[in-house]
Amino acid sequence: MELKPIVIGITQGDINGIGYEVIIKSLMDNVINELCIPIVYGSPKVAAYHRKALNINNFSFNNIRTADEANHKRANMINCLDDNVRVELGKSTSHGGETALISLEKAVEDIKAGKFNVLVTAPIDKHSMQSENFHFPGHTEYLKSKFGVEEALMFMIGESMKIGVVTGHVPLSKVPELITIDSVIKKIRLMNQSLQYDFAIRKPRIAVLGLNPHAGDNSLLGKEEAETITPALLKAQQEGILAFGPFPADGFFGAGSFTKFDGILAMYHDQGITPFKALSFDTGVNFTAGLPIVRTSPVHGTAFSIAGKGEASESSFRQAIFLACDIFRNRQFYNDAAQNPLKHQDIEIHSDHVDELPPEIFNAEQPL
């Protein structure tokens, strides 16, 4: 299989936040240009404003009109905005939301057209983004709609754990009604598929957390575990998925049990994202599993309070670029293996020589 350079589309996010800072700092790393071809969907004017605010003089973008013009040795930029763009550092403004959406829409249009390979999104301000054209709680729901997929999984990826959630950006008061056998089994299946397809884990082990304190404590503190989560787990196990639980969330993380599993499924946003960010905030990555394209982002937000001060860490954004490339390659290898499987070989063993063979050959696990 020929490994062509990976072309990465990067959205600018909110122009008043730390998006440009983490983008620029990440793309200043020469390793990035050796790994991929980055194209930022943004504004040269806004980029210049942030470079000046951050006192960065040794970096510039190669301005292009279309992705086809990208320089393979430079950080490229497609201008999506007009000259009337206004930067107001540290402020949540309707203009900031509008320009973030323009960048996102153009990038999605281009990746759908096959003009680049993977999408990395800088942080948006969900409040200022709301409009007739954007009525979603976040990137995950927007991309799920744009690509017409029934299920997507917010999957947080770090060195110490990979954790997804059944319910994402919804009010806590609505979580119990959204925890159904169907919703839990769909997320288990999607996580299992992603761990195999995107992360090359042949038989992933998945831990499923309970909804209530102490996982319901034998239904004393809630019946969702007994009536919903456990039946979903049993169904997953019948399908051959190695899913276990439901585990009490506090003890699961407190005792370090999360290190024994390839993936963890939490029931709601803060149950999963809080321990993840406590352990992996600087290097963790948000990956949207279930899409036909690869999309990653840093785990942090716009951080308006430090915008333009040079204090933002680019580590999570850089890891988002690295992970996007890794997942893209894993999918290539997976698809190539599926299209060119090893041919079945019938091995004839004469009974006279069976006693000469080592006994473990008859118990060996079959390869992929």
Protein backbone atom coordinates (compact mmCIF):
# COMPACT_ATOMS: atom_id res chain seq x y z
CA MET A 1 0.00 0.00 0.00
CA GLU A 2 1.36 3.39 -1.03
CA LEU A 3 1.51 5.85 1.88
CA LYS A 4 0.81 9.28 0.48
CA PRO A 5 1.23 12.41 2.63
CA ILE A 6 -1.78 13.05 4.84
CA VAL A 7 -3.48 16.38 4.14
CA ILE A 8 -5.03 17.91 7.26
CA GLY A 9 -7.77 20.52 7.23
CA ILE A 10 -7.74 22.73 10.34
CA THR A 11 -10.62 25.02 11.29
CA GLN A 12 -9.75 28.31 12.98
CA GLY A 13 -12.34 28.06 15.76
CA ASP A 14 -13.33 31.26 17.57
CA ILE A 15 -11.04 34.09 16.45
CA ASN A 16 -11.23 35.73 19.89
CA GLY A 17 -9.96 32.69 21.80
CA ILE A 18 -6.74 30.70 21.92
CA GLY A 19 -7.40 28.80 18.69
CA TYR A 20 -4.88 30.67 16.57
CA GLU A 21 -2.28 30.52 19.33
CA VAL A 22 -2.40 26.73 19.65
CA ILE A 23 -2.60 26.30 15.87
CA ILE A 24 0.45 28.49 15.21
CA LYS A 25 2.50 27.02 18.05
CA SER A 26 1.71 23.49 16.84
CA LEU A 27 2.56 24.23 13.21
CA MET A 28 5.87 25.82 14.22
CA ASP A 29 7.04 22.29 15.08
CA ASN A 30 8.95 21.00 12.04
CA VAL A 31 7.82 17.45 12.80
CA ILE A 32 4.32 18.42 11.66
CA ASN A 33 5.48 19.23 8.12
CA GLU A 34 7.28 15.89 7.96
CA LEU A 35 4.14 14.07 9.05
CA CYS A 36 1.42 15.84 7.10
CA ILE A 37 0.37 18.80 4.95
CA PRO A 38 -1.62 21.26 7.09
CA ILE A 39 -4.23 23.61 5.63
CA VAL A 40 -5.87 26.13 7.97
CA TYR A 41 -9.30 27.44 7.02
CA GLY A 42 -9.12 30.95 8.42
CA SER A 43 -7.90 34.46 7.69
CA PRO A 44 -4.38 35.80 7.02
CA LYS A 45 -5.50 39.06 8.66
CA VAL A 46 -6.58 37.30 11.85
CA ALA A 47 -3.43 35.18 11.85
CA ALA A 48 -1.28 38.31 11.58
CA TYR A 49 -3.22 39.92 14.45
CA HIS A 50 -2.55 36.94 16.71
CA ARG A 51 1.10 36.64 15.71
CA LYS A 52 1.60 40.29 16.64
CA ALA A 53 -0.23 39.89 19.96
CA LEU A 54 1.89 36.83 20.75
CA ASN A 55 5.12 38.41 19.46
CA ILE A 56 5.71 35.53 17.03
CA ASN A 57 7.94 36.78 14.22
CA ASN A 58 9.46 33.56 12.87
CA PHE A 59 6.34 31.99 11.40
CA SER A 60 4.00 32.70 8.49
CA PHE A 61 1.37 30.88 6.46
CA ASN A 62 1.55 30.04 2.78
CA ASN A 63 -1.67 31.62 1.48
CA ILE A 64 -3.54 29.53 -1.08
CA ARG A 65 -6.94 29.66 -2.78
CA THR A 66 -7.73 25.95 -2.88
CA ALA A 67 -6.45 22.81 -1.18
CA ASP A 68 -4.88 21.67 -4.45
CA GLU A 69 -2.36 24.50 -4.19
CA ALA A 70 -1.00 23.42 -0.80
CA ASN A 71 2.76 23.55 -0.33
CA HIS A 72 3.97 20.20 1.02
CA LYS A 73 6.68 21.86 3.12
CA ARG A 74 4.71 24.76 4.59
CA ALA A 75 1.74 25.49 6.80
CA ASN A 76 -0.96 26.60 4.36
CA MET A 77 -3.99 28.83 4.78
CA ILE A 78 -7.20 29.24 2.78
CA ASN A 79 -8.80 32.62 3.39
CA CYS A 80 -12.47 32.15 4.32
CA LEU A 81 -13.20 35.66 5.59
CA ASP A 82 -13.40 39.17 4.15
CA ASP A 83 -11.32 42.16 5.21
CA ASN A 84 -14.01 43.39 7.61
CA VAL A 85 -13.18 40.65 10.10
CA ARG A 86 -12.79 41.99 13.66
CA VAL A 87 -10.79 40.37 16.44
CA GLU A 88 -11.81 41.19 20.03
CA LEU A 89 -9.51 39.09 22.15
CA GLY A 90 -11.11 37.41 25.14
CA LYS A 91 -14.69 38.29 24.19
CA SER A 92 -17.62 36.11 23.19
CA THR A 93 -19.15 37.92 20.21
CA SER A 94 -21.68 37.06 17.52
CA HIS A 95 -19.02 37.96 14.93
CA GLY A 96 -16.66 35.41 16.49
CA GLY A 97 -19.36 32.77 16.20
CA GLU A 98 -20.17 33.68 12.60
CA THR A 99 -16.56 33.50 11.46
CA ALA A 100 -16.01 30.18 13.26
CA LEU A 101 -18.99 28.72 11.43
CA ILE A 102 -17.77 29.99 8.05
CA SER A 103 -14.46 28.20 8.59
CA LEU A 104 -16.16 25.00 9.72
CA GLU A 105 -18.63 24.94 6.83
CA LYS A 106 -15.92 25.48 4.21
CA ALA A 107 -13.71 22.77 5.71
CA VAL A 108 -16.58 20.26 5.86
CA GLU A 109 -17.45 21.08 2.25
CA ASP A 110 -13.86 20.41 1.16
CA ILE A 111 -13.37 17.17 3.11
CA LYS A 112 -16.63 15.87 1.67
CA ALA A 113 -15.22 16.67 -1.77
CA GLY A 114 -12.07 14.70 -0.95
CA LYS A 115 -9.77 17.74 -0.99
CA PHE A 116 -8.05 16.72 2.25
CA ASN A 117 -7.92 13.62 4.43
CA VAL A 118 -8.61 14.45 8.08
CA LEU A 119 -10.24 17.29 10.02
CA VAL A 120 -8.85 18.94 13.16
CA THR A 121 -11.08 21.57 14.74
CA ALA A 122 -9.97 24.43 16.98
CA PRO A 123 -12.26 25.37 19.90
CA ILE A 124 -15.54 27.22 19.31
CA ASP A 125 -17.76 29.21 21.63
CA LYS A 126 -20.98 27.20 21.48
CA HIS A 127 -23.10 30.11 22.69
CA SER A 128 -21.98 32.62 20.07
CA MET A 129 -22.21 29.96 17.33
CA GLN A 130 -25.95 29.53 17.73
CA SER A 131 -27.83 30.72 14.63
CA GLU A 132 -30.22 29.58 11.93
CA ASN A 133 -27.36 27.60 10.38
CA PHE A 134 -25.94 26.22 13.62
CA HIS A 135 -28.33 24.93 16.27
CA PHE A 136 -26.18 22.23 17.79
CA PRO A 137 -24.64 21.77 21.25
CA GLY A 138 -21.19 21.29 19.70
CA HIS A 139 -19.00 19.93 16.92
CA THR A 140 -20.00 16.30 17.52
CA GLU A 141 -23.69 16.86 16.90
CA TYR A 142 -23.03 19.20 13.96
CA LEU A 143 -20.77 16.69 12.19
CA LYS A 144 -23.17 13.83 12.91
CA SER A 145 -25.86 15.82 11.09
CA LYS A 146 -23.61 16.90 8.22
CA PHE A 147 -22.48 13.36 7.47
CA GLY A 148 -25.88 11.80 8.02
CA VAL A 149 -24.83 9.18 10.56
CA GLU A 150 -27.28 7.75 13.06
CA GLU A 151 -24.74 7.35 15.85
CA ALA A 152 -21.53 9.14 16.76
CA LEU A 153 -19.43 8.80 19.89
CA MET A 154 -17.59 11.52 21.76
CA PHE A 155 -14.42 9.56 22.44
CA MET A 156 -11.74 11.12 24.63
CA ILE A 157 -8.32 9.65 23.92
CA GLY A 158 -5.34 9.87 26.27
CA GLU A 159 -2.31 7.86 27.29
CA SER A 160 -3.99 6.47 30.40
CA MET A 161 -7.52 5.89 29.09
CA LYS A 162 -9.97 6.04 26.21
CA ILE A 163 -13.41 7.08 27.42
CA GLY A 164 -16.68 7.74 25.63
CA VAL A 165 -20.12 8.85 26.78
CA VAL A 166 -23.64 7.59 26.10
CA THR A 167 -25.14 11.07 26.48
CA GLY A 168 -23.03 14.06 25.51
CA HIS A 169 -24.01 17.71 25.55
CA VAL A 170 -27.40 17.41 27.26
CA PRO A 171 -28.70 18.79 30.58
CA LEU A 172 -28.12 16.44 33.50
CA SER A 173 -31.87 16.41 34.20
CA LYS A 174 -32.48 14.70 30.85
CA VAL A 175 -29.81 12.01 31.20
CA PRO A 176 -31.91 9.26 32.89
CA GLU A 177 -34.55 9.26 30.16
CA LEU A 178 -31.84 8.98 27.50
CA ILE A 179 -30.23 5.94 29.13
CA THR A 180 -32.05 3.07 27.41
CA ILE A 181 -31.04 -0.46 26.49
CA ASP A 182 -30.91 0.65 22.86
CA SER A 183 -28.81 3.76 23.47
CA VAL A 184 -26.30 1.90 25.65
CA ILE A 185 -25.88 -1.07 23.30
CA LYS A 186 -25.42 1.23 20.31
CA LYS A 187 -22.59 3.10 22.05
CA ILE A 188 -20.96 -0.16 23.16
CA ARG A 189 -21.03 -1.43 19.58
CA LEU A 190 -19.66 1.83 18.24
CA MET A 191 -16.85 1.92 20.80
CA ASN A 192 -15.94 -1.69 20.08
CA GLN A 193 -15.89 -1.00 16.34
CA SER A 194 -13.77 2.14 16.77
CA LEU A 195 -11.24 0.40 19.01
CA GLN A 196 -10.80 -2.26 16.34
CA TYR A 197 -10.98 -0.07 13.22
CA ASP A 198 -9.41 3.18 14.42
CA PHE A 199 -6.98 1.90 17.07
CA ALA A 200 -6.09 -1.57 15.74
CA ILE A 201 -7.09 -3.40 18.93
CA ARG A 202 -8.24 -6.85 17.87
CA LYS A 203 -10.41 -7.85 20.86
CA PRO A 204 -10.92 -4.72 22.97
CA ARG A 205 -12.03 -4.93 26.60
CA ILE A 206 -14.68 -2.35 27.42
CA ALA A 207 -15.74 -1.21 30.89
CA VAL A 208 -19.25 0.21 31.27
CA LEU A 209 -19.99 2.51 34.20
CA GLY A 210 -23.22 2.66 36.16
CA LEU A 211 -25.47 5.72 36.19
CA ASN A 212 -26.20 5.99 39.90
CA PRO A 213 -23.91 6.20 42.94
CA HIS A 214 -22.39 2.78 43.70
CA ALA A 215 -23.90 1.53 40.41
CA GLY A 216 -27.33 1.57 42.05
CA ASP A 217 -26.27 -0.50 45.09
CA ASN A 218 -28.51 -3.45 44.16
CA SER A 219 -31.29 -1.05 43.04
CA LEU A 220 -31.33 0.75 46.41
CA LEU A 221 -30.08 3.97 44.77
CA GLY A 222 -31.63 3.54 41.35
CA LYS A 223 -32.83 0.82 39.00
CA GLU A 224 -31.19 1.88 35.73
CA GLU A 225 -28.30 -0.52 36.25
CA ALA A 226 -30.54 -3.56 36.73
CA GLU A 227 -33.24 -2.63 34.21
CA THR A 228 -31.22 -0.95 31.46
CA ILE A 229 -27.42 -1.12 31.62
CA THR A 230 -27.04 -4.79 32.59
CA PRO A 231 -29.43 -6.02 29.86
CA ALA A 232 -27.46 -3.96 27.33
CA LEU A 233 -24.22 -5.52 28.58
CA LEU A 234 -25.63 -9.03 28.29
CA LYS A 235 -26.75 -8.32 24.75
CA ALA A 236 -23.28 -7.01 23.85
CA GLN A 237 -21.67 -10.10 25.35
CA GLN A 238 -23.98 -12.33 23.31
CA GLU A 239 -22.65 -10.54 20.23
CA GLY A 240 -19.11 -11.44 21.21
CA ILE A 241 -18.15 -8.01 22.56
CA LEU A 242 -15.95 -8.07 25.66
CA ALA A 243 -17.98 -5.57 27.69
CA PHE A 244 -18.02 -5.64 31.49
CA GLY A 245 -19.84 -3.83 34.29
CA PRO A 246 -21.69 -1.83 35.34
CA PHE A 247 -18.95 -0.44 37.57
CA PRO A 248 -19.40 2.24 40.26
CA ALA A 249 -17.64 5.28 38.77
CA ASP A 250 -15.96 6.48 41.97
CA GLY A 251 -14.35 3.17 42.88
CA PHE A 252 -13.53 2.41 39.25
CA PHE A 253 -11.33 5.49 38.90
CA GLY A 254 -10.22 5.65 42.54
CA ALA A 255 -8.84 2.10 42.48
CA GLY A 256 -7.14 2.56 39.11
CA SER A 257 -9.33 -0.07 37.40
CA PHE A 258 -9.44 2.13 34.29
CA THR A 259 -5.91 0.97 33.42
CA LYS A 260 -7.17 -2.58 32.81
CA PHE A 261 -9.49 -1.74 29.92
CA ASP A 262 -9.04 -0.59 26.32
CA GLY A 263 -12.16 1.56 26.43
CA ILE A 264 -14.53 2.96 29.04
CA LEU A 265 -18.16 3.93 28.44
CA ALA A 266 -19.58 6.53 30.85
CA MET A 267 -23.26 7.33 31.04
CA TYR A 268 -23.04 11.13 30.91
CA HIS A 269 -20.64 13.94 30.09
CA ASP A 270 -19.11 14.89 33.43
CA GLN A 271 -18.95 11.30 34.69
CA GLY A 272 -16.46 10.51 31.95
CA ILE A 273 -14.90 13.81 30.94
CA THR A 274 -14.05 15.00 34.47
CA PRO A 275 -11.66 12.14 35.38
CA PHE A 276 -10.28 12.18 31.85
CA LYS A 277 -9.37 15.86 31.98
CA ALA A 278 -7.98 15.48 35.50
CA LEU A 279 -5.47 12.97 34.13
CA SER A 280 -5.00 14.04 30.50
CA PHE A 281 -5.95 17.70 30.12
CA ASP A 282 -2.67 18.78 28.54
CA THR A 283 -2.28 15.89 26.11
CA GLY A 284 -5.76 14.41 25.69
CA VAL A 285 -7.68 14.51 22.42
CA ASN A 286 -11.37 14.57 21.57
CA PHE A 287 -12.11 12.14 18.72
CA THR A 288 -15.52 11.73 17.06
CA ALA A 289 -15.98 8.00 16.43
CA GLY A 290 -18.57 6.79 13.97
CA LEU A 291 -18.01 9.36 11.21
CA PRO A 292 -16.90 8.38 7.70
CA ILE A 293 -14.08 10.92 8.12
CA VAL A 294 -11.48 11.35 10.86
CA ARG A 295 -12.10 14.33 13.12
CA THR A 296 -10.15 15.29 16.24
CA SER A 297 -9.83 18.36 18.44
CA PRO A 298 -8.06 19.46 21.63
CA VAL A 299 -9.90 18.78 24.88
CA HIS A 300 -9.87 22.41 26.00
CA GLY A 301 -12.15 25.27 25.00
CA THR A 302 -11.65 28.82 23.77
CA ALA A 303 -10.05 29.94 27.07
CA PHE A 304 -11.02 33.58 26.52
CA SER A 305 -9.41 34.57 29.81
CA ILE A 306 -5.89 33.93 28.46
CA ALA A 307 -6.42 34.74 24.78
CA GLY A 308 -3.54 36.68 23.26
CA LYS A 309 -1.33 36.34 26.34
CA GLY A 310 0.93 33.57 25.10
CA GLU A 311 -0.02 31.32 28.01
CA ALA A 312 -1.94 28.62 26.12
CA SER A 313 -0.37 25.17 25.80
CA GLU A 314 -0.43 23.71 22.31
CA SER A 315 0.17 20.14 23.54
CA SER A 316 -3.43 18.94 23.21
CA PHE A 317 -3.82 20.48 19.75
CA ARG A 318 -0.54 18.97 18.57
CA GLN A 319 -1.66 15.58 19.87
CA ALA A 320 -4.94 16.04 17.99
CA ILE A 321 -2.94 16.35 14.76
CA PHE A 322 -0.81 13.29 15.58
CA LEU A 323 -3.84 11.20 16.54
CA ALA A 324 -5.75 12.16 13.40
CA CYS A 325 -2.83 10.92 11.31
CA ASP A 326 -2.56 7.69 13.31
CA ILE A 327 -6.26 6.91 12.96
CA PHE A 328 -6.20 7.68 9.24
CA ARG A 329 -3.31 5.24 8.77
CA ASN A 330 -5.01 2.59 10.91
CA ARG A 331 -8.12 2.83 8.73
CA GLN A 332 -6.00 2.52 5.61
CA PHE A 333 -4.31 -0.63 6.92
CA TYR A 334 -7.62 -2.09 8.11
CA ASN A 335 -9.32 -1.50 4.75
CA ASP A 336 -6.32 -2.83 2.85
CA ALA A 337 -6.29 -6.00 4.94
CA ALA A 338 -10.03 -6.46 4.42
CA GLN A 339 -9.66 -6.11 0.65
CA ASN A 340 -6.65 -8.42 0.47
CA PRO A 341 -7.17 -11.12 3.09
CA LEU A 342 -4.78 -14.03 3.37
CA LYS A 343 -6.00 -16.95 1.29
CA HIS A 344 -7.25 -19.96 3.21
CA GLN A 345 -4.73 -22.77 3.20
CA ASP A 346 -5.83 -26.37 3.75
CA ILE A 347 -3.04 -28.20 5.56
CA GLU A 348 -3.09 -31.95 5.21
CA ILE A 349 -1.71 -33.75 8.22
CA HIS A 350 -1.11 -37.47 7.93
CA SER A 351 -2.15 -39.41 10.99
CA ASP A 352 1.21 -41.15 11.08
CA HIS A 353 2.91 -37.86 11.96
CA VAL A 354 0.40 -36.29 14.39
CA ASP A 355 2.39 -37.43 17.41
CA GLU A 356 5.40 -35.48 16.11
CA LEU A 357 3.58 -32.11 16.25
CA PRO A 358 3.69 -29.91 19.37
CA PRO A 359 0.34 -30.09 21.23
CA GLU A 360 -0.03 -26.26 21.38
CA ILE A 361 -0.61 -26.10 17.62
CA PHE A 362 -4.09 -27.49 18.13
CA ASN A 363 -4.98 -24.80 20.71
CA ALA A 364 -3.40 -21.81 18.98
CA GLU A 365 -5.55 -18.74 18.50
CA GLN A 366 -6.33 -18.15 14.84
CA PRO A 367 -4.79 -15.00 13.31
CA LEU A 368 -6.83 -12.17 11.81
